[in-house]
Amino acid sequence: MSVYDETEARLMAAVSATGQRLTSKDIEQLSEQELNIMFYGSAGIADRVRRLRAQLKEEKIHRSNDYVKMVKEARKCFTDDDCKILQFLAPYDESAWYARGIAEHTELDIKAVTASLKKLKRRGLVEVQSGLFDDDGFTAGSGYAIVDRHRGVVESILEVFENEQEALL
């Protein structure tokens, strides 16, 4: 008997004991997993599994990148296009941008922007945010933004590039 079947049997027993209605006492006795199954069915568990997979993927990216080395070797690791994109995204804490919008504002080719964004995403500095809305409340799709916990790394990388630009002048 699966967990789902056991939970369903337990819920049916609770419902039949209280006359087709769960009381607050019955709900307090249910575990979080049982509540997910009750309210969301298997979709609730699938959603939790998806979130856990996303967290594991983020942690894997974080562990695979040496951010101290990335800052020290910023000139080798990043191109000028990468820095233009990071510089453009840096001031926006809660905004995400389409690749096309980034290309227009940075005056770079869309293919170069897309390639740079993919590279920055692999390095864990940029993330894709989905389910975004515009100022009017309409669905806007997904966009790119700097990962909050690596904002300091991005600032250090940009500082290295700015110091280099000043040295060239």
N, C-alpha and C. Protein backbone atom coordinates (compact mmCIF):
# COMPACT_ATOMS: atom_id res chain seq x y z
N MET A 1 0.84 -1.17 0.00
CA MET A 1 0.00 0.00 0.00
C MET A 1 0.89 1.24 0.00
N SER A 2 0.65 2.17 -0.93
CA SER A 2 1.48 3.37 -1.05
C SER A 2 1.10 4.40 0.01
N VAL A 3 1.95 5.41 0.14
CA VAL A 3 1.69 6.49 1.09
C VAL A 3 0.39 7.20 0.73
N TYR A 4 0.18 7.38 -0.57
CA TYR A 4 -1.04 8.04 -1.02
C TYR A 4 -2.27 7.24 -0.60
N ASP A 5 -2.23 5.91 -0.79
CA ASP A 5 -3.37 5.07 -0.42
C ASP A 5 -3.62 5.10 1.09
N GLU A 6 -2.53 5.03 1.86
CA GLU A 6 -2.66 5.08 3.32
C GLU A 6 -3.27 6.41 3.78
N THR A 7 -2.79 7.48 3.19
CA THR A 7 -3.30 8.80 3.55
C THR A 7 -4.76 8.94 3.16
N GLU A 8 -5.10 8.45 1.97
CA GLU A 8 -6.48 8.52 1.52
C GLU A 8 -7.39 7.73 2.46
N ALA A 9 -6.94 6.55 2.88
CA ALA A 9 -7.73 5.73 3.80
C ALA A 9 -7.91 6.46 5.14
N ARG A 10 -6.84 7.06 5.64
CA ARG A 10 -6.92 7.79 6.91
C ARG A 10 -7.86 8.99 6.82
N LEU A 11 -7.78 9.70 5.69
CA LEU A 11 -8.66 10.85 5.50
C LEU A 11 -10.12 10.41 5.40
N MET A 12 -10.36 9.32 4.70
CA MET A 12 -11.74 8.83 4.57
C MET A 12 -12.28 8.41 5.93
N ALA A 13 -11.42 7.81 6.76
CA ALA A 13 -11.85 7.40 8.10
C ALA A 13 -12.18 8.64 8.93
N ALA A 14 -11.36 9.69 8.81
CA ALA A 14 -11.61 10.92 9.56
C ALA A 14 -12.89 11.59 9.09
N VAL A 15 -13.12 11.60 7.78
CA VAL A 15 -14.31 12.23 7.23
C VAL A 15 -15.56 11.46 7.65
N SER A 16 -15.50 10.14 7.58
CA SER A 16 -16.69 9.34 7.92
C SER A 16 -16.98 9.42 9.43
N ALA A 17 -15.94 9.58 10.25
CA ALA A 17 -16.14 9.66 11.70
C ALA A 17 -16.79 10.97 12.11
N THR A 18 -16.56 12.02 11.33
CA THR A 18 -17.10 13.33 11.70
C THR A 18 -18.27 13.74 10.81
N GLY A 19 -18.78 12.84 10.01
CA GLY A 19 -19.93 13.16 9.18
C GLY A 19 -19.60 14.03 7.98
N GLN A 20 -18.61 13.61 7.17
CA GLN A 20 -18.21 14.31 5.93
C GLN A 20 -17.58 15.68 6.18
N ARG A 21 -17.09 15.92 7.37
CA ARG A 21 -16.48 17.21 7.65
C ARG A 21 -15.31 17.02 8.61
N LEU A 22 -14.17 17.57 8.28
CA LEU A 22 -13.01 17.49 9.16
C LEU A 22 -13.06 18.62 10.17
N THR A 23 -12.80 18.32 11.41
CA THR A 23 -12.74 19.35 12.45
C THR A 23 -11.31 19.86 12.55
N SER A 24 -11.13 20.94 13.29
CA SER A 24 -9.79 21.47 13.47
C SER A 24 -8.90 20.47 14.21
N LYS A 25 -9.49 19.67 15.09
CA LYS A 25 -8.72 18.65 15.79
C LYS A 25 -8.20 17.60 14.81
N ASP A 26 -9.05 17.19 13.85
CA ASP A 26 -8.63 16.23 12.83
C ASP A 26 -7.50 16.80 11.98
N ILE A 27 -7.63 18.07 11.61
CA ILE A 27 -6.62 18.70 10.76
C ILE A 27 -5.30 18.84 11.50
N GLU A 28 -5.32 19.14 12.79
CA GLU A 28 -4.09 19.25 13.58
C GLU A 28 -3.35 17.92 13.62
N GLN A 29 -4.08 16.81 13.57
CA GLN A 29 -3.45 15.50 13.65
C GLN A 29 -2.85 15.05 12.32
N LEU A 30 -3.23 15.71 11.24
CA LEU A 30 -2.69 15.35 9.93
C LEU A 30 -1.30 15.93 9.76
N SER A 31 -0.45 15.19 9.10
CA SER A 31 0.90 15.70 8.82
C SER A 31 0.83 16.64 7.62
N GLU A 32 1.92 17.36 7.39
CA GLU A 32 1.98 18.29 6.27
C GLU A 32 1.83 17.55 4.94
N GLN A 33 2.45 16.37 4.86
CA GLN A 33 2.35 15.57 3.64
C GLN A 33 0.90 15.16 3.39
N GLU A 34 0.20 14.77 4.44
CA GLU A 34 -1.20 14.36 4.29
C GLU A 34 -2.07 15.54 3.87
N LEU A 35 -1.77 16.72 4.40
CA LEU A 35 -2.52 17.90 4.00
C LEU A 35 -2.27 18.24 2.53
N ASN A 36 -1.02 18.09 2.09
CA ASN A 36 -0.72 18.32 0.67
C ASN A 36 -1.50 17.36 -0.21
N ILE A 37 -1.52 16.10 0.18
CA ILE A 37 -2.27 15.12 -0.60
C ILE A 37 -3.75 15.44 -0.58
N MET A 38 -4.24 15.86 0.57
CA MET A 38 -5.66 16.16 0.70
C MET A 38 -6.07 17.35 -0.18
N PHE A 39 -5.30 18.42 -0.14
CA PHE A 39 -5.69 19.62 -0.84
C PHE A 39 -5.20 19.68 -2.29
N TYR A 40 -4.04 19.10 -2.56
CA TYR A 40 -3.47 19.22 -3.89
C TYR A 40 -3.36 17.89 -4.61
N GLY A 41 -3.65 16.81 -3.94
CA GLY A 41 -3.47 15.50 -4.55
C GLY A 41 -2.01 15.25 -4.81
N SER A 42 -1.71 14.49 -5.81
CA SER A 42 -0.32 14.18 -6.12
C SER A 42 0.41 15.41 -6.67
N ALA A 43 -0.33 16.41 -7.15
CA ALA A 43 0.30 17.63 -7.67
C ALA A 43 1.05 18.36 -6.56
N GLY A 44 0.53 18.32 -5.33
CA GLY A 44 1.21 18.98 -4.21
C GLY A 44 2.58 18.37 -3.96
N ILE A 45 2.65 17.06 -4.02
CA ILE A 45 3.94 16.38 -3.82
C ILE A 45 4.86 16.66 -5.00
N ALA A 46 4.30 16.64 -6.21
CA ALA A 46 5.11 16.91 -7.40
C ALA A 46 5.70 18.31 -7.35
N ASP A 47 4.92 19.27 -6.87
CA ASP A 47 5.39 20.65 -6.76
C ASP A 47 6.54 20.74 -5.76
N ARG A 48 6.41 20.06 -4.63
CA ARG A 48 7.49 20.06 -3.64
C ARG A 48 8.75 19.42 -4.20
N VAL A 49 8.59 18.34 -4.95
CA VAL A 49 9.75 17.67 -5.55
C VAL A 49 10.43 18.61 -6.55
N ARG A 50 9.63 19.33 -7.35
CA ARG A 50 10.20 20.29 -8.30
C ARG A 50 10.99 21.38 -7.57
N ARG A 51 10.43 21.90 -6.47
CA ARG A 51 11.14 22.94 -5.71
C ARG A 51 12.43 22.41 -5.12
N LEU A 52 12.40 21.17 -4.59
CA LEU A 52 13.61 20.58 -4.04
C LEU A 52 14.67 20.37 -5.11
N ARG A 53 14.25 19.92 -6.30
CA ARG A 53 15.20 19.75 -7.40
C ARG A 53 15.83 21.08 -7.79
N ALA A 54 15.04 22.14 -7.82
CA ALA A 54 15.56 23.46 -8.16
C ALA A 54 16.57 23.93 -7.11
N GLN A 55 16.27 23.68 -5.83
CA GLN A 55 17.21 24.05 -4.77
C GLN A 55 18.50 23.26 -4.88
N LEU A 56 18.39 21.96 -5.17
CA LEU A 56 19.59 21.14 -5.33
C LEU A 56 20.43 21.61 -6.51
N LYS A 57 19.77 21.99 -7.61
CA LYS A 57 20.50 22.47 -8.78
C LYS A 57 21.23 23.77 -8.44
N GLU A 58 20.57 24.66 -7.71
CA GLU A 58 21.19 25.92 -7.31
C GLU A 58 22.40 25.67 -6.41
N GLU A 59 22.27 24.75 -5.47
CA GLU A 59 23.38 24.42 -4.59
C GLU A 59 24.54 23.79 -5.36
N LYS A 60 24.22 22.97 -6.35
CA LYS A 60 25.26 22.34 -7.17
C LYS A 60 26.05 23.41 -7.93
N ILE A 61 25.35 24.39 -8.48
CA ILE A 61 26.01 25.48 -9.18
C ILE A 61 26.88 26.26 -8.21
N HIS A 62 26.34 26.53 -7.01
CA HIS A 62 27.08 27.29 -6.01
C HIS A 62 28.36 26.56 -5.60
N ARG A 63 28.26 25.25 -5.39
CA ARG A 63 29.43 24.47 -4.97
C ARG A 63 30.46 24.32 -6.08
N SER A 64 30.01 24.28 -7.33
CA SER A 64 30.94 24.04 -8.43
C SER A 64 31.73 25.29 -8.83
N ASN A 65 31.30 26.45 -8.39
CA ASN A 65 31.99 27.69 -8.74
C ASN A 65 32.79 28.22 -7.56
N ASP A 66 34.04 28.56 -7.83
CA ASP A 66 34.90 29.17 -6.82
C ASP A 66 34.85 30.69 -7.03
N TYR A 67 34.02 31.36 -6.23
CA TYR A 67 33.76 32.79 -6.46
C TYR A 67 34.95 33.68 -6.11
N VAL A 68 35.77 33.26 -5.16
CA VAL A 68 36.97 34.04 -4.82
C VAL A 68 37.93 34.03 -6.01
N LYS A 69 38.12 32.86 -6.59
CA LYS A 69 38.98 32.73 -7.77
C LYS A 69 38.38 33.50 -8.95
N MET A 70 37.05 33.47 -9.04
CA MET A 70 36.37 34.17 -10.13
C MET A 70 36.67 35.67 -10.08
N VAL A 71 36.70 36.24 -8.88
CA VAL A 71 36.98 37.67 -8.73
C VAL A 71 38.45 37.94 -9.03
N LYS A 72 39.34 37.09 -8.53
CA LYS A 72 40.78 37.30 -8.76
C LYS A 72 41.13 37.23 -10.25
N GLU A 73 40.48 36.32 -10.97
CA GLU A 73 40.77 36.13 -12.39
C GLU A 73 39.64 36.68 -13.26
N ALA A 74 39.03 37.76 -12.82
CA ALA A 74 37.87 38.31 -13.52
C ALA A 74 38.17 38.64 -14.97
N ARG A 75 39.35 39.14 -15.22
CA ARG A 75 39.70 39.53 -16.60
C ARG A 75 39.75 38.30 -17.52
N LYS A 76 40.18 37.16 -16.98
CA LYS A 76 40.25 35.93 -17.77
C LYS A 76 38.89 35.26 -17.91
N CYS A 77 38.06 35.37 -16.87
CA CYS A 77 36.79 34.64 -16.83
C CYS A 77 35.66 35.34 -17.57
N PHE A 78 35.72 36.67 -17.68
CA PHE A 78 34.60 37.41 -18.23
C PHE A 78 35.02 38.32 -19.36
N THR A 79 34.15 38.46 -20.33
CA THR A 79 34.40 39.35 -21.46
C THR A 79 33.83 40.74 -21.15
N ASP A 80 34.11 41.67 -22.03
CA ASP A 80 33.55 43.02 -21.87
C ASP A 80 32.03 42.98 -21.96
N ASP A 81 31.50 42.11 -22.84
CA ASP A 81 30.04 41.98 -22.96
C ASP A 81 29.42 41.49 -21.65
N ASP A 82 30.08 40.51 -21.02
CA ASP A 82 29.58 40.00 -19.73
C ASP A 82 29.51 41.13 -18.71
N CYS A 83 30.54 41.95 -18.68
CA CYS A 83 30.59 43.04 -17.71
C CYS A 83 29.55 44.11 -18.01
N LYS A 84 29.32 44.39 -19.30
CA LYS A 84 28.28 45.36 -19.65
C LYS A 84 26.92 44.87 -19.14
N ILE A 85 26.67 43.58 -19.30
CA ILE A 85 25.40 43.00 -18.87
C ILE A 85 25.29 43.06 -17.34
N LEU A 86 26.36 42.66 -16.65
CA LEU A 86 26.34 42.72 -15.18
C LEU A 86 26.17 44.15 -14.69
N GLN A 87 26.84 45.09 -15.37
CA GLN A 87 26.73 46.49 -15.00
C GLN A 87 25.30 47.00 -15.19
N PHE A 88 24.65 46.53 -16.26
CA PHE A 88 23.28 46.94 -16.52
C PHE A 88 22.32 46.37 -15.48
N LEU A 89 22.50 45.09 -15.11
CA LEU A 89 21.59 44.42 -14.18
C LEU A 89 21.84 44.80 -12.72
N ALA A 90 23.04 45.25 -12.38
CA ALA A 90 23.42 45.49 -10.98
C ALA A 90 22.49 46.44 -10.22
N PRO A 91 22.05 47.55 -10.79
CA PRO A 91 21.21 48.46 -9.99
C PRO A 91 19.79 47.95 -9.73
N TYR A 92 19.36 46.93 -10.44
CA TYR A 92 17.99 46.46 -10.32
C TYR A 92 17.90 45.32 -9.31
N ASP A 93 17.40 45.62 -8.11
CA ASP A 93 17.28 44.60 -7.07
C ASP A 93 16.10 43.67 -7.31
N GLU A 94 14.97 44.22 -7.71
CA GLU A 94 13.76 43.43 -7.81
C GLU A 94 13.22 43.34 -9.22
N SER A 95 14.01 43.69 -10.20
CA SER A 95 13.55 43.65 -11.59
C SER A 95 14.32 42.58 -12.35
N ALA A 96 13.62 41.96 -13.29
CA ALA A 96 14.24 41.01 -14.20
C ALA A 96 14.03 41.53 -15.62
N TRP A 97 14.99 41.29 -16.48
CA TRP A 97 14.95 41.84 -17.83
C TRP A 97 14.99 40.74 -18.87
N TYR A 98 14.26 40.95 -19.96
CA TYR A 98 14.35 40.07 -21.13
C TYR A 98 15.73 40.25 -21.76
N ALA A 99 16.19 39.22 -22.46
CA ALA A 99 17.46 39.32 -23.17
C ALA A 99 17.38 40.43 -24.22
N ARG A 100 16.24 40.56 -24.86
CA ARG A 100 16.06 41.60 -25.88
C ARG A 100 16.17 43.00 -25.26
N GLY A 101 15.59 43.19 -24.08
CA GLY A 101 15.68 44.48 -23.40
C GLY A 101 17.10 44.81 -22.98
N ILE A 102 17.81 43.79 -22.53
CA ILE A 102 19.23 43.98 -22.14
C ILE A 102 20.03 44.38 -23.37
N ALA A 103 19.76 43.71 -24.50
CA ALA A 103 20.48 44.00 -25.74
C ALA A 103 20.24 45.44 -26.19
N GLU A 104 19.00 45.90 -26.09
CA GLU A 104 18.67 47.27 -26.50
C GLU A 104 19.37 48.31 -25.61
N HIS A 105 19.36 48.07 -24.30
CA HIS A 105 19.95 49.05 -23.38
C HIS A 105 21.47 49.04 -23.38
N THR A 106 22.08 47.90 -23.63
CA THR A 106 23.54 47.82 -23.63
C THR A 106 24.12 47.99 -25.03
N GLU A 107 23.24 48.07 -26.04
CA GLU A 107 23.64 48.23 -27.44
C GLU A 107 24.55 47.09 -27.91
N LEU A 108 24.24 45.88 -27.43
CA LEU A 108 24.95 44.67 -27.85
C LEU A 108 24.05 43.86 -28.76
N ASP A 109 24.65 42.97 -29.52
CA ASP A 109 23.90 42.06 -30.39
C ASP A 109 23.13 41.06 -29.53
N ILE A 110 21.92 40.70 -29.93
CA ILE A 110 21.08 39.79 -29.15
C ILE A 110 21.75 38.42 -28.97
N LYS A 111 22.48 37.96 -29.99
CA LYS A 111 23.16 36.66 -29.87
C LYS A 111 24.27 36.73 -28.83
N ALA A 112 24.99 37.83 -28.79
CA ALA A 112 26.06 38.00 -27.81
C ALA A 112 25.48 38.08 -26.40
N VAL A 113 24.35 38.77 -26.26
CA VAL A 113 23.69 38.89 -24.95
C VAL A 113 23.21 37.53 -24.48
N THR A 114 22.58 36.77 -25.37
CA THR A 114 22.08 35.44 -25.01
C THR A 114 23.22 34.52 -24.58
N ALA A 115 24.31 34.54 -25.34
CA ALA A 115 25.47 33.70 -24.99
C ALA A 115 26.06 34.11 -23.64
N SER A 116 26.18 35.41 -23.41
CA SER A 116 26.72 35.89 -22.14
C SER A 116 25.82 35.53 -20.97
N LEU A 117 24.51 35.68 -21.17
CA LEU A 117 23.57 35.34 -20.09
C LEU A 117 23.64 33.86 -19.74
N LYS A 118 23.79 33.01 -20.75
CA LYS A 118 23.91 31.56 -20.48
C LYS A 118 25.18 31.28 -19.67
N LYS A 119 26.27 31.95 -20.05
CA LYS A 119 27.53 31.75 -19.33
C LYS A 119 27.42 32.25 -17.89
N LEU A 120 26.82 33.42 -17.71
CA LEU A 120 26.66 33.98 -16.37
C LEU A 120 25.72 33.11 -15.52
N LYS A 121 24.74 32.52 -16.16
CA LYS A 121 23.83 31.62 -15.44
C LYS A 121 24.56 30.36 -14.99
N ARG A 122 25.39 29.79 -15.85
CA ARG A 122 26.17 28.61 -15.48
C ARG A 122 27.11 28.92 -14.32
N ARG A 123 27.59 30.13 -14.27
CA ARG A 123 28.51 30.53 -13.19
C ARG A 123 27.77 30.92 -11.92
N GLY A 124 26.44 30.94 -11.97
CA GLY A 124 25.66 31.19 -10.77
C GLY A 124 25.48 32.66 -10.41
N LEU A 125 25.81 33.56 -11.33
CA LEU A 125 25.70 34.99 -11.04
C LEU A 125 24.36 35.57 -11.48
N VAL A 126 23.74 34.95 -12.47
CA VAL A 126 22.48 35.41 -13.01
C VAL A 126 21.48 34.26 -12.94
N GLU A 127 20.22 34.58 -12.67
CA GLU A 127 19.18 33.57 -12.63
C GLU A 127 18.03 33.98 -13.52
N VAL A 128 17.26 32.97 -13.94
CA VAL A 128 16.05 33.23 -14.71
C VAL A 128 14.90 33.28 -13.72
N GLN A 129 14.15 34.36 -13.77
CA GLN A 129 12.96 34.49 -12.92
C GLN A 129 11.74 34.37 -13.82
N SER A 130 10.86 33.45 -13.48
CA SER A 130 9.67 33.27 -14.30
C SER A 130 8.42 33.69 -13.54
N GLY A 131 7.33 33.82 -14.27
CA GLY A 131 6.07 34.25 -13.66
C GLY A 131 6.07 35.71 -13.29
N LEU A 132 6.65 36.54 -14.15
CA LEU A 132 6.76 37.97 -13.87
C LEU A 132 5.55 38.73 -14.41
N PHE A 133 5.28 39.89 -13.80
CA PHE A 133 4.20 40.76 -14.24
C PHE A 133 4.75 42.14 -14.51
N ASP A 134 4.15 42.84 -15.47
CA ASP A 134 4.59 44.21 -15.76
C ASP A 134 3.91 45.19 -14.82
N ASP A 135 4.16 46.48 -15.02
CA ASP A 135 3.60 47.51 -14.14
C ASP A 135 2.08 47.57 -14.19
N ASP A 136 1.50 47.14 -15.30
CA ASP A 136 0.04 47.18 -15.45
C ASP A 136 -0.64 45.92 -14.91
N GLY A 137 0.14 44.96 -14.43
CA GLY A 137 -0.42 43.74 -13.87
C GLY A 137 -0.63 42.63 -14.88
N PHE A 138 -0.14 42.80 -16.10
CA PHE A 138 -0.26 41.77 -17.12
C PHE A 138 0.92 40.82 -17.04
N THR A 139 0.73 39.58 -17.48
CA THR A 139 1.80 38.60 -17.47
C THR A 139 2.92 39.04 -18.40
N ALA A 140 4.15 38.98 -17.89
CA ALA A 140 5.29 39.45 -18.68
C ALA A 140 6.26 38.31 -19.01
N GLY A 141 6.01 37.11 -18.53
CA GLY A 141 6.88 35.98 -18.85
C GLY A 141 8.04 35.84 -17.88
N SER A 142 9.24 35.66 -18.42
CA SER A 142 10.42 35.46 -17.57
C SER A 142 11.54 36.38 -18.00
N GLY A 143 12.50 36.58 -17.10
CA GLY A 143 13.62 37.46 -17.41
C GLY A 143 14.82 37.13 -16.55
N TYR A 144 15.92 37.83 -16.79
CA TYR A 144 17.17 37.58 -16.09
C TYR A 144 17.42 38.63 -15.02
N ALA A 145 17.98 38.19 -13.90
CA ALA A 145 18.33 39.09 -12.80
C ALA A 145 19.56 38.53 -12.09
N ILE A 146 20.25 39.39 -11.36
CA ILE A 146 21.42 38.96 -10.59
C ILE A 146 20.94 38.18 -9.37
N VAL A 147 21.64 37.08 -9.07
CA VAL A 147 21.30 36.27 -7.90
C VAL A 147 21.63 37.08 -6.66
N ASP A 148 20.66 37.19 -5.76
CA ASP A 148 20.83 38.05 -4.58
C ASP A 148 22.04 37.68 -3.74
N ARG A 149 22.26 36.39 -3.51
CA ARG A 149 23.35 36.02 -2.61
C ARG A 149 24.73 36.20 -3.23
N HIS A 150 24.79 36.49 -4.55
CA HIS A 150 26.08 36.72 -5.21
C HIS A 150 26.23 38.17 -5.68
N ARG A 151 25.40 39.04 -5.15
CA ARG A 151 25.46 40.45 -5.53
C ARG A 151 26.83 41.05 -5.17
N GLY A 152 27.39 40.65 -4.03
CA GLY A 152 28.71 41.13 -3.62
C GLY A 152 29.81 40.68 -4.57
N VAL A 153 29.69 39.46 -5.05
CA VAL A 153 30.67 38.93 -6.02
C VAL A 153 30.60 39.74 -7.31
N VAL A 154 29.38 40.02 -7.76
CA VAL A 154 29.20 40.80 -8.98
C VAL A 154 29.81 42.19 -8.81
N GLU A 155 29.59 42.82 -7.67
CA GLU A 155 30.16 44.14 -7.42
C GLU A 155 31.68 44.10 -7.43
N SER A 156 32.26 43.03 -6.88
CA SER A 156 33.73 42.89 -6.88
C SER A 156 34.26 42.72 -8.30
N ILE A 157 33.57 41.92 -9.10
CA ILE A 157 33.98 41.72 -10.49
C ILE A 157 33.92 43.03 -11.25
N LEU A 158 32.84 43.78 -11.07
CA LEU A 158 32.70 45.07 -11.75
C LEU A 158 33.76 46.06 -11.29
N GLU A 159 34.13 45.98 -10.01
CA GLU A 159 35.18 46.85 -9.48
C GLU A 159 36.52 46.55 -10.15
N VAL A 160 36.81 45.27 -10.37
CA VAL A 160 38.05 44.88 -11.06
C VAL A 160 38.07 45.48 -12.46
N PHE A 161 36.95 45.40 -13.17
CA PHE A 161 36.88 45.94 -14.52
C PHE A 161 36.97 47.47 -14.53
N GLU A 162 36.34 48.12 -13.57
CA GLU A 162 36.41 49.58 -13.50
C GLU A 162 37.82 50.04 -13.21
N ASN A 163 38.53 49.34 -12.31
CA ASN A 163 39.93 49.70 -12.00
C ASN A 163 40.80 49.53 -13.23
N GLU A 164 40.53 48.49 -14.01
CA GLU A 164 41.30 48.24 -15.22
C GLU A 164 41.04 49.35 -16.25
N GLN A 165 39.77 49.76 -16.37
CA GLN A 165 39.43 50.84 -17.30
C GLN A 165 40.12 52.15 -16.90
N GLU A 166 40.17 52.43 -15.61
CA GLU A 166 40.85 53.64 -15.13
C GLU A 166 42.35 53.57 -15.40
N ALA A 167 42.93 52.38 -15.27
CA ALA A 167 44.36 52.22 -15.52
C ALA A 167 44.70 52.44 -16.99
N LEU A 168 43.76 52.11 -17.88
CA LEU A 168 44.00 52.31 -19.31
C LEU A 168 43.93 53.79 -19.70
N LEU A 169 43.20 54.58 -18.91
CA LEU A 169 43.11 56.02 -19.22
C LEU A 169 44.32 56.70 -18.71
